[in-house]
Amino acid sequence: MNEREMLLKKIGTYKFAIVDIDIFLDTHPGDSEMLALRNRYQDEVRPLVEKYEAQYGPLTKHENQKNTWAWVKDPWPWDMEA
């Protein structure tokens, strides 16, 4: 597994956990421990996303991008697979 794949896997793992916790918090809004865990995961994934995007390009379209179509420029992720 190369560095790009490892970053994507870590990012995906954190993002999945964040969404899962969000769903839990929908039914348990007063659970401060889970909210703290969610915030910790969010803080941990942010630098991974920044590193990935600096090296390989954006993962999603950001509203503040000057060139709103830059996120679709080639190569697409599946074009980079060897």
N, C-alpha and C. Protein backbone atom coordinates (compact mmCIF):
# COMPACT_ATOMS: atom_id res chain seq x y z
N MET A 1 0.85 -1.17 0.00
CA MET A 1 0.00 0.00 0.00
C MET A 1 0.91 1.24 0.00
N ASN A 2 0.69 2.14 -0.97
CA ASN A 2 1.51 3.34 -1.03
C ASN A 2 0.97 4.43 -0.09
N GLU A 3 1.70 5.55 0.00
CA GLU A 3 1.33 6.60 0.94
C GLU A 3 -0.05 7.18 0.65
N ARG A 4 -0.36 7.37 -0.63
CA ARG A 4 -1.66 7.91 -1.02
C ARG A 4 -2.78 7.01 -0.54
N GLU A 5 -2.64 5.73 -0.75
CA GLU A 5 -3.67 4.77 -0.33
C GLU A 5 -3.79 4.73 1.19
N MET A 6 -2.66 4.82 1.90
CA MET A 6 -2.70 4.82 3.37
C MET A 6 -3.41 6.06 3.89
N LEU A 7 -3.13 7.22 3.28
CA LEU A 7 -3.81 8.44 3.69
C LEU A 7 -5.31 8.34 3.45
N LEU A 8 -5.70 7.84 2.27
CA LEU A 8 -7.12 7.70 1.97
C LEU A 8 -7.81 6.74 2.95
N LYS A 9 -7.11 5.67 3.29
CA LYS A 9 -7.69 4.71 4.24
C LYS A 9 -7.88 5.34 5.62
N LYS A 10 -6.87 6.06 6.09
CA LYS A 10 -6.98 6.73 7.39
C LYS A 10 -8.09 7.77 7.38
N ILE A 11 -8.14 8.57 6.31
CA ILE A 11 -9.17 9.60 6.19
C ILE A 11 -10.55 8.96 6.17
N GLY A 12 -10.70 7.91 5.39
CA GLY A 12 -11.98 7.21 5.31
C GLY A 12 -12.41 6.62 6.65
N THR A 13 -11.45 6.09 7.38
CA THR A 13 -11.75 5.51 8.68
C THR A 13 -12.25 6.58 9.65
N TYR A 14 -11.53 7.68 9.71
CA TYR A 14 -11.96 8.78 10.58
C TYR A 14 -13.32 9.33 10.16
N LYS A 15 -13.49 9.56 8.86
CA LYS A 15 -14.76 10.13 8.38
C LYS A 15 -15.93 9.18 8.69
N PHE A 16 -15.73 7.88 8.52
CA PHE A 16 -16.78 6.92 8.84
C PHE A 16 -17.13 7.00 10.32
N ALA A 17 -16.10 7.04 11.17
CA ALA A 17 -16.34 7.12 12.61
C ALA A 17 -17.08 8.40 12.98
N ILE A 18 -16.72 9.51 12.35
CA ILE A 18 -17.38 10.79 12.62
C ILE A 18 -18.85 10.72 12.24
N VAL A 19 -19.16 10.17 11.08
CA VAL A 19 -20.56 10.04 10.66
C VAL A 19 -21.32 9.10 11.59
N ASP A 20 -20.68 8.01 11.98
CA ASP A 20 -21.32 7.06 12.89
C ASP A 20 -21.63 7.72 14.23
N ILE A 21 -20.69 8.48 14.75
CA ILE A 21 -20.91 9.19 16.01
C ILE A 21 -22.01 10.25 15.84
N ASP A 22 -22.03 10.93 14.69
CA ASP A 22 -23.09 11.91 14.42
C ASP A 22 -24.47 11.26 14.50
N ILE A 23 -24.59 10.07 13.94
CA ILE A 23 -25.86 9.35 13.99
C ILE A 23 -26.21 8.99 15.44
N PHE A 24 -25.22 8.54 16.18
CA PHE A 24 -25.44 8.23 17.60
C PHE A 24 -25.88 9.49 18.36
N LEU A 25 -25.22 10.61 18.09
CA LEU A 25 -25.56 11.85 18.79
C LEU A 25 -26.94 12.38 18.42
N ASP A 26 -27.48 11.97 17.26
CA ASP A 26 -28.85 12.34 16.92
C ASP A 26 -29.84 11.80 17.95
N THR A 27 -29.54 10.63 18.51
CA THR A 27 -30.44 10.02 19.48
C THR A 27 -29.95 10.16 20.91
N HIS A 28 -28.71 10.62 21.09
CA HIS A 28 -28.12 10.81 22.42
C HIS A 28 -27.42 12.17 22.47
N PRO A 29 -28.15 13.26 22.28
CA PRO A 29 -27.52 14.57 22.15
C PRO A 29 -26.79 15.05 23.41
N GLY A 30 -27.08 14.48 24.54
CA GLY A 30 -26.43 14.91 25.78
C GLY A 30 -25.17 14.15 26.13
N ASP A 31 -24.73 13.24 25.27
CA ASP A 31 -23.56 12.42 25.57
C ASP A 31 -22.28 13.22 25.29
N SER A 32 -21.76 13.86 26.33
CA SER A 32 -20.60 14.73 26.17
C SER A 32 -19.33 13.95 25.83
N GLU A 33 -19.22 12.71 26.28
CA GLU A 33 -18.04 11.90 25.96
C GLU A 33 -17.97 11.60 24.47
N MET A 34 -19.12 11.26 23.88
CA MET A 34 -19.14 10.98 22.45
C MET A 34 -18.91 12.24 21.63
N LEU A 35 -19.44 13.35 22.10
CA LEU A 35 -19.20 14.62 21.41
C LEU A 35 -17.71 14.97 21.45
N ALA A 36 -17.08 14.75 22.59
CA ALA A 36 -15.64 15.00 22.71
C ALA A 36 -14.84 14.08 21.79
N LEU A 37 -15.25 12.82 21.70
CA LEU A 37 -14.58 11.87 20.81
C LEU A 37 -14.74 12.30 19.36
N ARG A 38 -15.94 12.72 18.99
CA ARG A 38 -16.20 13.19 17.63
C ARG A 38 -15.30 14.39 17.30
N ASN A 39 -15.21 15.33 18.24
CA ASN A 39 -14.38 16.50 18.02
C ASN A 39 -12.90 16.14 17.93
N ARG A 40 -12.48 15.17 18.72
CA ARG A 40 -11.09 14.71 18.65
C ARG A 40 -10.79 14.09 17.29
N TYR A 41 -11.70 13.23 16.81
CA TYR A 41 -11.52 12.63 15.49
C TYR A 41 -11.49 13.69 14.40
N GLN A 42 -12.35 14.70 14.52
CA GLN A 42 -12.38 15.78 13.54
C GLN A 42 -11.04 16.51 13.52
N ASP A 43 -10.49 16.76 14.70
CA ASP A 43 -9.19 17.42 14.80
C ASP A 43 -8.07 16.55 14.24
N GLU A 44 -8.18 15.24 14.40
CA GLU A 44 -7.14 14.32 13.91
C GLU A 44 -7.20 14.13 12.40
N VAL A 45 -8.39 14.19 11.82
CA VAL A 45 -8.51 13.96 10.38
C VAL A 45 -8.15 15.21 9.58
N ARG A 46 -8.33 16.38 10.15
CA ARG A 46 -8.08 17.63 9.41
C ARG A 46 -6.67 17.70 8.82
N PRO A 47 -5.60 17.44 9.61
CA PRO A 47 -4.26 17.50 9.00
C PRO A 47 -4.02 16.41 7.95
N LEU A 48 -4.68 15.27 8.10
CA LEU A 48 -4.54 14.22 7.10
C LEU A 48 -5.15 14.66 5.77
N VAL A 49 -6.32 15.29 5.84
CA VAL A 49 -6.98 15.79 4.63
C VAL A 49 -6.12 16.89 4.00
N GLU A 50 -5.60 17.78 4.83
CA GLU A 50 -4.75 18.86 4.31
C GLU A 50 -3.51 18.29 3.61
N LYS A 51 -2.90 17.29 4.22
CA LYS A 51 -1.71 16.66 3.62
C LYS A 51 -2.08 15.99 2.30
N TYR A 52 -3.18 15.25 2.30
CA TYR A 52 -3.60 14.57 1.07
C TYR A 52 -3.85 15.59 -0.03
N GLU A 53 -4.61 16.64 0.28
CA GLU A 53 -4.98 17.61 -0.74
C GLU A 53 -3.76 18.39 -1.24
N ALA A 54 -2.78 18.63 -0.39
CA ALA A 54 -1.56 19.32 -0.82
C ALA A 54 -0.76 18.46 -1.79
N GLN A 55 -0.78 17.14 -1.58
CA GLN A 55 0.03 16.25 -2.42
C GLN A 55 -0.72 15.72 -3.63
N TYR A 56 -2.03 15.46 -3.50
CA TYR A 56 -2.75 14.74 -4.54
C TYR A 56 -3.96 15.48 -5.11
N GLY A 57 -4.32 16.62 -4.55
CA GLY A 57 -5.46 17.37 -5.03
C GLY A 57 -6.65 17.23 -4.11
N PRO A 58 -7.68 18.04 -4.35
CA PRO A 58 -8.83 18.08 -3.44
C PRO A 58 -9.63 16.79 -3.42
N LEU A 59 -10.14 16.47 -2.23
CA LEU A 59 -11.02 15.31 -2.07
C LEU A 59 -12.47 15.69 -2.38
N THR A 60 -12.82 16.92 -2.10
CA THR A 60 -14.17 17.43 -2.36
C THR A 60 -14.06 18.85 -2.89
N LYS A 61 -15.16 19.34 -3.42
CA LYS A 61 -15.21 20.72 -3.89
C LYS A 61 -15.37 21.62 -2.67
N HIS A 62 -14.49 22.59 -2.55
CA HIS A 62 -14.57 23.55 -1.46
C HIS A 62 -15.26 24.80 -1.96
N GLU A 63 -16.16 25.32 -1.18
CA GLU A 63 -16.89 26.51 -1.58
C GLU A 63 -15.99 27.71 -1.78
N ASN A 64 -14.87 27.77 -1.11
CA ASN A 64 -14.01 28.94 -1.20
C ASN A 64 -12.96 28.84 -2.31
N GLN A 65 -13.03 27.81 -3.15
CA GLN A 65 -12.08 27.71 -4.25
C GLN A 65 -12.36 28.81 -5.26
N LYS A 66 -11.31 29.47 -5.72
CA LYS A 66 -11.47 30.52 -6.72
C LYS A 66 -11.91 29.93 -8.05
N ASN A 67 -11.30 28.85 -8.45
CA ASN A 67 -11.68 28.16 -9.67
C ASN A 67 -12.57 27.00 -9.26
N THR A 68 -13.88 27.20 -9.34
CA THR A 68 -14.81 26.21 -8.79
C THR A 68 -14.77 24.88 -9.53
N TRP A 69 -14.14 24.83 -10.68
CA TRP A 69 -14.08 23.57 -11.42
C TRP A 69 -12.73 22.88 -11.27
N ALA A 70 -11.83 23.42 -10.45
CA ALA A 70 -10.51 22.82 -10.29
C ALA A 70 -10.58 21.41 -9.72
N TRP A 71 -11.61 21.12 -8.96
CA TRP A 71 -11.71 19.81 -8.32
C TRP A 71 -11.97 18.68 -9.31
N VAL A 72 -12.37 19.01 -10.55
CA VAL A 72 -12.63 17.96 -11.53
C VAL A 72 -11.50 17.79 -12.53
N LYS A 73 -10.39 18.50 -12.34
CA LYS A 73 -9.31 18.41 -13.31
C LYS A 73 -8.68 17.03 -13.30
N ASP A 74 -8.12 16.66 -14.40
CA ASP A 74 -7.44 15.37 -14.52
C ASP A 74 -6.13 15.40 -13.75
N PRO A 75 -5.62 14.29 -13.32
CA PRO A 75 -6.21 12.96 -13.46
C PRO A 75 -7.22 12.67 -12.36
N TRP A 76 -8.21 11.89 -12.71
CA TRP A 76 -9.18 11.41 -11.73
C TRP A 76 -8.50 10.35 -10.88
N PRO A 77 -8.98 10.13 -9.66
CA PRO A 77 -8.31 9.15 -8.78
C PRO A 77 -8.11 7.78 -9.43
N TRP A 78 -9.08 7.29 -10.18
CA TRP A 78 -8.95 5.96 -10.80
C TRP A 78 -8.00 5.98 -11.98
N ASP A 79 -7.70 7.16 -12.54
CA ASP A 79 -6.72 7.26 -13.61
C ASP A 79 -5.30 7.12 -13.08
N MET A 80 -5.12 7.35 -11.78
CA MET A 80 -3.80 7.30 -11.17
C MET A 80 -3.42 5.89 -10.73
N GLU A 81 -4.35 4.97 -10.76
CA GLU A 81 -4.07 3.60 -10.34
C GLU A 81 -3.15 2.94 -11.35
N ALA A 82 -2.18 2.21 -10.86
CA ALA A 82 -1.24 1.54 -11.77
C ALA A 82 -1.49 0.06 -11.78
